[in-house]
Amino acid sequence: QVQVVESGGGLVQPGGSLRLSCAASGSMFSFYIMGWYRQAPGKERELVARIAGASRPEYADSVPGRFTVSRDNAKNTVYLQMNNLKPEDTAVYYCSARLGSSSNNWGKGTQVTVSS
């Protein structure tokens, strides 16, 4: 079972940027659909961005143009570059990995706080 570990969260001012990283275990990384989700206090976990192999990345309606998801299969890592951050982007950001229609494997999350 793949394991994923997120890093790169922190406190940033509105309009600032952060890059999150998610490192995955195992030798099958290039086959995994990698996703970034977030969960704000009192809200459900929601998809932010997803990238599968050579497929076109998918983004939530609230983030296209501000967030960019990418992957480096040689490093078993997926990234989420977040620009022009807003207070409403404050949440715990989770990385997920799944093969095809299997269940997501989740990381423990990394806190992103956007505040002045």
N, C-alpha and C. Protein backbone atom coordinates (compact mmCIF):
# COMPACT_ATOMS: atom_id res chain seq x y z
N GLN A 1 0.84 -1.18 0.00
CA GLN A 1 0.00 0.00 0.00
C GLN A 1 0.89 1.25 0.00
N VAL A 2 0.60 2.17 -0.89
CA VAL A 2 1.42 3.37 -0.99
C VAL A 2 1.21 4.25 0.23
N GLN A 3 2.28 4.89 0.66
CA GLN A 3 2.21 5.87 1.73
C GLN A 3 2.62 7.23 1.18
N VAL A 4 1.93 8.27 1.64
CA VAL A 4 2.23 9.61 1.17
C VAL A 4 2.45 10.53 2.36
N VAL A 5 3.38 11.47 2.20
CA VAL A 5 3.72 12.41 3.26
C VAL A 5 3.77 13.81 2.68
N GLU A 6 2.94 14.69 3.23
CA GLU A 6 2.89 16.07 2.78
C GLU A 6 3.88 16.94 3.55
N SER A 7 4.31 18.01 2.91
CA SER A 7 5.15 19.01 3.56
C SER A 7 4.99 20.34 2.84
N GLY A 8 5.44 21.40 3.49
CA GLY A 8 5.45 22.71 2.85
C GLY A 8 4.40 23.68 3.32
N GLY A 9 3.53 23.27 4.23
CA GLY A 9 2.52 24.19 4.73
C GLY A 9 3.13 25.23 5.64
N GLY A 10 2.28 26.18 6.03
CA GLY A 10 2.75 27.22 6.94
C GLY A 10 1.82 28.41 6.96
N LEU A 11 2.32 29.49 7.54
CA LEU A 11 1.57 30.74 7.63
C LEU A 11 2.06 31.69 6.54
N VAL A 12 1.13 32.25 5.79
CA VAL A 12 1.49 33.17 4.72
C VAL A 12 0.47 34.30 4.68
N GLN A 13 0.92 35.46 4.26
CA GLN A 13 0.02 36.61 4.16
C GLN A 13 -0.84 36.51 2.90
N PRO A 14 -2.00 37.13 2.91
CA PRO A 14 -2.82 37.18 1.68
C PRO A 14 -2.01 37.71 0.50
N GLY A 15 -2.18 37.05 -0.64
CA GLY A 15 -1.41 37.41 -1.82
C GLY A 15 -0.09 36.67 -1.94
N GLY A 16 0.29 35.96 -0.90
CA GLY A 16 1.56 35.23 -0.91
C GLY A 16 1.45 33.89 -1.60
N SER A 17 2.57 33.16 -1.57
CA SER A 17 2.66 31.86 -2.25
C SER A 17 3.24 30.80 -1.32
N LEU A 18 2.87 29.58 -1.60
CA LEU A 18 3.44 28.41 -0.94
C LEU A 18 3.52 27.29 -1.97
N ARG A 19 4.48 26.40 -1.78
CA ARG A 19 4.53 25.19 -2.58
C ARG A 19 4.49 23.99 -1.64
N LEU A 20 3.46 23.19 -1.81
CA LEU A 20 3.32 21.96 -1.06
C LEU A 20 3.96 20.81 -1.84
N SER A 21 4.52 19.88 -1.09
CA SER A 21 5.10 18.68 -1.70
C SER A 21 4.46 17.45 -1.08
N CYS A 22 4.39 16.40 -1.85
CA CYS A 22 3.87 15.13 -1.36
C CYS A 22 4.77 14.03 -1.90
N ALA A 23 5.45 13.36 -1.00
CA ALA A 23 6.35 12.27 -1.37
C ALA A 23 5.63 10.94 -1.16
N ALA A 24 5.71 10.09 -2.16
CA ALA A 24 5.04 8.79 -2.11
C ALA A 24 6.04 7.66 -2.09
N SER A 25 5.66 6.57 -1.45
CA SER A 25 6.53 5.39 -1.38
C SER A 25 6.26 4.47 -2.56
N GLY A 26 7.14 3.51 -2.75
CA GLY A 26 6.90 2.46 -3.72
C GLY A 26 7.40 2.76 -5.11
N SER A 27 7.25 1.75 -5.98
CA SER A 27 7.79 1.82 -7.34
C SER A 27 6.72 2.03 -8.40
N MET A 28 5.49 2.22 -7.96
CA MET A 28 4.38 2.34 -8.91
C MET A 28 3.88 3.77 -9.05
N PHE A 29 4.68 4.73 -8.58
CA PHE A 29 4.20 6.11 -8.47
C PHE A 29 3.63 6.63 -9.79
N SER A 30 4.29 6.34 -10.89
CA SER A 30 3.85 6.92 -12.16
C SER A 30 2.46 6.46 -12.57
N PHE A 31 1.99 5.39 -11.98
CA PHE A 31 0.67 4.87 -12.30
C PHE A 31 -0.43 5.44 -11.41
N TYR A 32 -0.03 6.12 -10.37
CA TYR A 32 -1.01 6.62 -9.41
C TYR A 32 -1.66 7.92 -9.87
N ILE A 33 -2.94 8.04 -9.58
CA ILE A 33 -3.63 9.32 -9.70
C ILE A 33 -3.37 10.05 -8.39
N MET A 34 -2.71 11.19 -8.49
CA MET A 34 -2.34 11.95 -7.30
C MET A 34 -3.26 13.16 -7.16
N GLY A 35 -3.72 13.36 -5.96
CA GLY A 35 -4.65 14.46 -5.73
C GLY A 35 -4.28 15.29 -4.53
N TRP A 36 -4.69 16.52 -4.58
CA TRP A 36 -4.61 17.42 -3.43
C TRP A 36 -6.04 17.80 -3.03
N TYR A 37 -6.31 17.62 -1.75
CA TYR A 37 -7.59 17.98 -1.18
C TYR A 37 -7.33 18.94 -0.02
N ARG A 38 -8.39 19.60 0.41
CA ARG A 38 -8.27 20.43 1.60
C ARG A 38 -9.54 20.37 2.42
N GLN A 39 -9.35 20.62 3.71
CA GLN A 39 -10.49 20.62 4.62
C GLN A 39 -10.34 21.78 5.58
N ALA A 40 -11.28 22.70 5.49
CA ALA A 40 -11.32 23.84 6.39
C ALA A 40 -12.16 23.47 7.61
N PRO A 41 -11.96 24.15 8.73
CA PRO A 41 -12.74 23.85 9.94
C PRO A 41 -14.24 23.92 9.67
N GLY A 42 -14.93 22.88 10.07
CA GLY A 42 -16.37 22.84 9.91
C GLY A 42 -16.86 22.54 8.52
N LYS A 43 -15.93 22.25 7.61
CA LYS A 43 -16.33 21.96 6.23
C LYS A 43 -15.87 20.57 5.82
N GLU A 44 -16.48 20.07 4.74
CA GLU A 44 -16.08 18.78 4.22
C GLU A 44 -14.78 18.88 3.44
N ARG A 45 -14.10 17.77 3.34
CA ARG A 45 -12.90 17.73 2.54
C ARG A 45 -13.29 17.88 1.06
N GLU A 46 -12.53 18.72 0.35
CA GLU A 46 -12.85 18.97 -1.04
C GLU A 46 -11.62 18.82 -1.93
N LEU A 47 -11.86 18.42 -3.15
CA LEU A 47 -10.77 18.30 -4.12
C LEU A 47 -10.28 19.67 -4.52
N VAL A 48 -8.96 19.82 -4.56
CA VAL A 48 -8.34 21.06 -5.02
C VAL A 48 -7.79 20.86 -6.42
N ALA A 49 -7.02 19.78 -6.60
CA ALA A 49 -6.40 19.51 -7.90
C ALA A 49 -6.04 18.04 -7.98
N ARG A 50 -5.95 17.55 -9.22
CA ARG A 50 -5.66 16.13 -9.41
C ARG A 50 -4.85 15.97 -10.67
N ILE A 51 -3.92 15.05 -10.64
CA ILE A 51 -3.10 14.82 -11.83
C ILE A 51 -2.86 13.33 -11.98
N ALA A 52 -3.08 12.83 -13.18
CA ALA A 52 -2.95 11.39 -13.44
C ALA A 52 -2.05 11.17 -14.64
N GLY A 53 -0.87 10.64 -14.41
CA GLY A 53 0.04 10.32 -15.49
C GLY A 53 0.26 11.49 -16.42
N ALA A 54 -0.01 11.26 -17.69
CA ALA A 54 0.17 12.30 -18.68
C ALA A 54 -1.12 13.06 -18.96
N SER A 55 -2.14 12.79 -18.16
CA SER A 55 -3.42 13.44 -18.38
C SER A 55 -3.38 14.90 -17.97
N ARG A 56 -4.32 15.63 -18.50
CA ARG A 56 -4.42 17.04 -18.16
C ARG A 56 -4.83 17.19 -16.70
N PRO A 57 -4.18 18.04 -15.95
CA PRO A 57 -4.58 18.23 -14.55
C PRO A 57 -6.01 18.77 -14.44
N GLU A 58 -6.66 18.45 -13.34
CA GLU A 58 -7.99 18.97 -13.05
C GLU A 58 -7.90 19.86 -11.81
N TYR A 59 -8.71 20.91 -11.82
CA TYR A 59 -8.71 21.85 -10.71
C TYR A 59 -10.13 22.15 -10.25
N ALA A 60 -10.23 22.48 -8.96
CA ALA A 60 -11.51 22.96 -8.45
C ALA A 60 -11.81 24.32 -9.06
N ASP A 61 -13.08 24.66 -9.13
CA ASP A 61 -13.48 25.94 -9.72
C ASP A 61 -12.90 27.14 -8.98
N SER A 62 -12.60 26.96 -7.71
CA SER A 62 -12.15 28.10 -6.90
C SER A 62 -10.66 28.40 -7.06
N VAL A 63 -9.90 27.52 -7.75
CA VAL A 63 -8.46 27.72 -7.76
C VAL A 63 -7.76 27.83 -9.11
N PRO A 64 -8.42 27.52 -10.24
CA PRO A 64 -7.66 27.57 -11.50
C PRO A 64 -7.09 28.95 -11.74
N GLY A 65 -5.87 28.96 -12.22
CA GLY A 65 -5.18 30.22 -12.44
C GLY A 65 -4.36 30.65 -11.24
N ARG A 66 -4.65 30.11 -10.06
CA ARG A 66 -3.89 30.44 -8.86
C ARG A 66 -3.04 29.26 -8.40
N PHE A 67 -3.56 28.05 -8.59
CA PHE A 67 -2.86 26.85 -8.15
C PHE A 67 -2.41 26.04 -9.37
N THR A 68 -1.26 25.40 -9.23
CA THR A 68 -0.74 24.53 -10.28
C THR A 68 -0.26 23.24 -9.66
N VAL A 69 -0.78 22.12 -10.15
CA VAL A 69 -0.34 20.81 -9.69
C VAL A 69 0.64 20.23 -10.71
N SER A 70 1.68 19.60 -10.22
CA SER A 70 2.67 18.96 -11.10
C SER A 70 3.23 17.74 -10.40
N ARG A 71 3.89 16.90 -11.16
CA ARG A 71 4.47 15.70 -10.57
C ARG A 71 5.84 15.43 -11.18
N ASP A 72 6.70 14.84 -10.37
CA ASP A 72 8.01 14.41 -10.82
C ASP A 72 8.09 12.91 -10.53
N ASN A 73 7.86 12.12 -11.55
CA ASN A 73 7.81 10.67 -11.34
C ASN A 73 9.17 10.10 -10.94
N ALA A 74 10.24 10.76 -11.33
CA ALA A 74 11.57 10.29 -10.95
C ALA A 74 11.81 10.46 -9.45
N LYS A 75 11.10 11.41 -8.84
CA LYS A 75 11.26 11.68 -7.41
C LYS A 75 10.08 11.19 -6.59
N ASN A 76 9.12 10.52 -7.25
CA ASN A 76 7.92 10.05 -6.53
C ASN A 76 7.24 11.18 -5.76
N THR A 77 7.15 12.34 -6.38
CA THR A 77 6.66 13.52 -5.68
C THR A 77 5.67 14.28 -6.55
N VAL A 78 4.64 14.77 -5.90
CA VAL A 78 3.68 15.67 -6.54
C VAL A 78 3.70 16.99 -5.78
N TYR A 79 3.52 18.06 -6.52
CA TYR A 79 3.60 19.41 -5.96
C TYR A 79 2.30 20.16 -6.16
N LEU A 80 2.07 21.11 -5.28
CA LEU A 80 0.97 22.04 -5.47
C LEU A 80 1.52 23.44 -5.25
N GLN A 81 1.69 24.18 -6.32
CA GLN A 81 2.14 25.57 -6.24
C GLN A 81 0.91 26.44 -6.06
N MET A 82 0.89 27.21 -4.98
CA MET A 82 -0.27 28.04 -4.66
C MET A 82 0.16 29.50 -4.67
N ASN A 83 -0.44 30.28 -5.53
CA ASN A 83 -0.13 31.70 -5.65
C ASN A 83 -1.35 32.53 -5.32
N ASN A 84 -1.10 33.79 -5.00
CA ASN A 84 -2.19 34.72 -4.69
C ASN A 84 -3.15 34.11 -3.67
N LEU A 85 -2.58 33.63 -2.59
CA LEU A 85 -3.39 32.95 -1.58
C LEU A 85 -4.35 33.91 -0.91
N LYS A 86 -5.51 33.37 -0.56
CA LYS A 86 -6.57 34.14 0.07
C LYS A 86 -6.89 33.52 1.43
N PRO A 87 -7.46 34.31 2.32
CA PRO A 87 -7.82 33.74 3.64
C PRO A 87 -8.71 32.51 3.52
N GLU A 88 -9.55 32.46 2.52
CA GLU A 88 -10.44 31.30 2.36
C GLU A 88 -9.70 30.05 1.88
N ASP A 89 -8.42 30.17 1.57
CA ASP A 89 -7.62 29.00 1.25
C ASP A 89 -7.08 28.32 2.51
N THR A 90 -7.31 28.94 3.66
CA THR A 90 -6.86 28.35 4.92
C THR A 90 -7.54 27.01 5.15
N ALA A 91 -6.72 25.98 5.36
CA ALA A 91 -7.25 24.63 5.52
C ALA A 91 -6.08 23.68 5.80
N VAL A 92 -6.43 22.46 6.15
CA VAL A 92 -5.44 21.38 6.13
C VAL A 92 -5.47 20.78 4.73
N TYR A 93 -4.31 20.70 4.13
CA TYR A 93 -4.19 20.17 2.77
C TYR A 93 -3.68 18.73 2.84
N TYR A 94 -4.42 17.87 2.15
CA TYR A 94 -4.10 16.45 2.15
C TYR A 94 -3.70 16.00 0.75
N CYS A 95 -2.75 15.09 0.72
CA CYS A 95 -2.35 14.44 -0.52
C CYS A 95 -3.01 13.06 -0.56
N SER A 96 -3.40 12.66 -1.77
CA SER A 96 -3.97 11.33 -1.92
C SER A 96 -3.33 10.63 -3.12
N ALA A 97 -3.33 9.31 -3.06
CA ALA A 97 -2.81 8.49 -4.15
C ALA A 97 -3.73 7.30 -4.34
N ARG A 98 -4.10 7.04 -5.58
CA ARG A 98 -4.91 5.85 -5.84
C ARG A 98 -4.62 5.31 -7.23
N LEU A 99 -4.83 4.02 -7.37
CA LEU A 99 -4.70 3.34 -8.65
C LEU A 99 -6.08 3.11 -9.21
N GLY A 100 -6.34 3.63 -10.37
CA GLY A 100 -7.62 3.41 -11.02
C GLY A 100 -8.79 3.78 -10.14
N SER A 101 -9.69 2.82 -9.92
CA SER A 101 -10.89 3.07 -9.13
C SER A 101 -10.74 2.61 -7.69
N SER A 102 -9.52 2.33 -7.27
CA SER A 102 -9.31 1.90 -5.88
C SER A 102 -9.50 3.07 -4.93
N SER A 103 -9.47 2.77 -3.63
CA SER A 103 -9.64 3.82 -2.63
C SER A 103 -8.41 4.71 -2.55
N ASN A 104 -8.63 5.93 -2.08
CA ASN A 104 -7.52 6.86 -1.88
C ASN A 104 -6.67 6.43 -0.69
N ASN A 105 -5.38 6.60 -0.82
CA ASN A 105 -4.45 6.49 0.30
C ASN A 105 -4.10 7.92 0.71
N TRP A 106 -4.33 8.24 1.97
CA TRP A 106 -4.21 9.62 2.44
C TRP A 106 -2.96 9.83 3.27
N GLY A 107 -2.44 11.07 3.19
CA GLY A 107 -1.42 11.51 4.11
C GLY A 107 -2.07 12.11 5.34
N LYS A 108 -1.23 12.59 6.26
CA LYS A 108 -1.76 13.17 7.50
C LYS A 108 -2.11 14.63 7.35
N GLY A 109 -1.70 15.23 6.24
CA GLY A 109 -2.06 16.61 5.98
C GLY A 109 -1.02 17.62 6.44
N THR A 110 -1.11 18.80 5.85
CA THR A 110 -0.25 19.91 6.23
C THR A 110 -1.09 21.17 6.32
N GLN A 111 -0.90 21.94 7.38
CA GLN A 111 -1.74 23.11 7.63
C GLN A 111 -1.26 24.29 6.79
N VAL A 112 -2.19 24.93 6.12
CA VAL A 112 -1.94 26.18 5.41
C VAL A 112 -2.83 27.25 6.03
N THR A 113 -2.22 28.32 6.50
CA THR A 113 -2.96 29.41 7.10
C THR A 113 -2.62 30.69 6.37
N VAL A 114 -3.65 31.35 5.85
CA VAL A 114 -3.46 32.60 5.12
C VAL A 114 -4.06 33.71 5.97
N SER A 115 -3.19 34.54 6.51
CA SER A 115 -3.65 35.57 7.43
C SER A 115 -2.63 36.70 7.49
N SER A 116 -3.13 37.90 7.72
CA SER A 116 -2.24 39.03 7.89
C SER A 116 -1.95 39.26 9.37
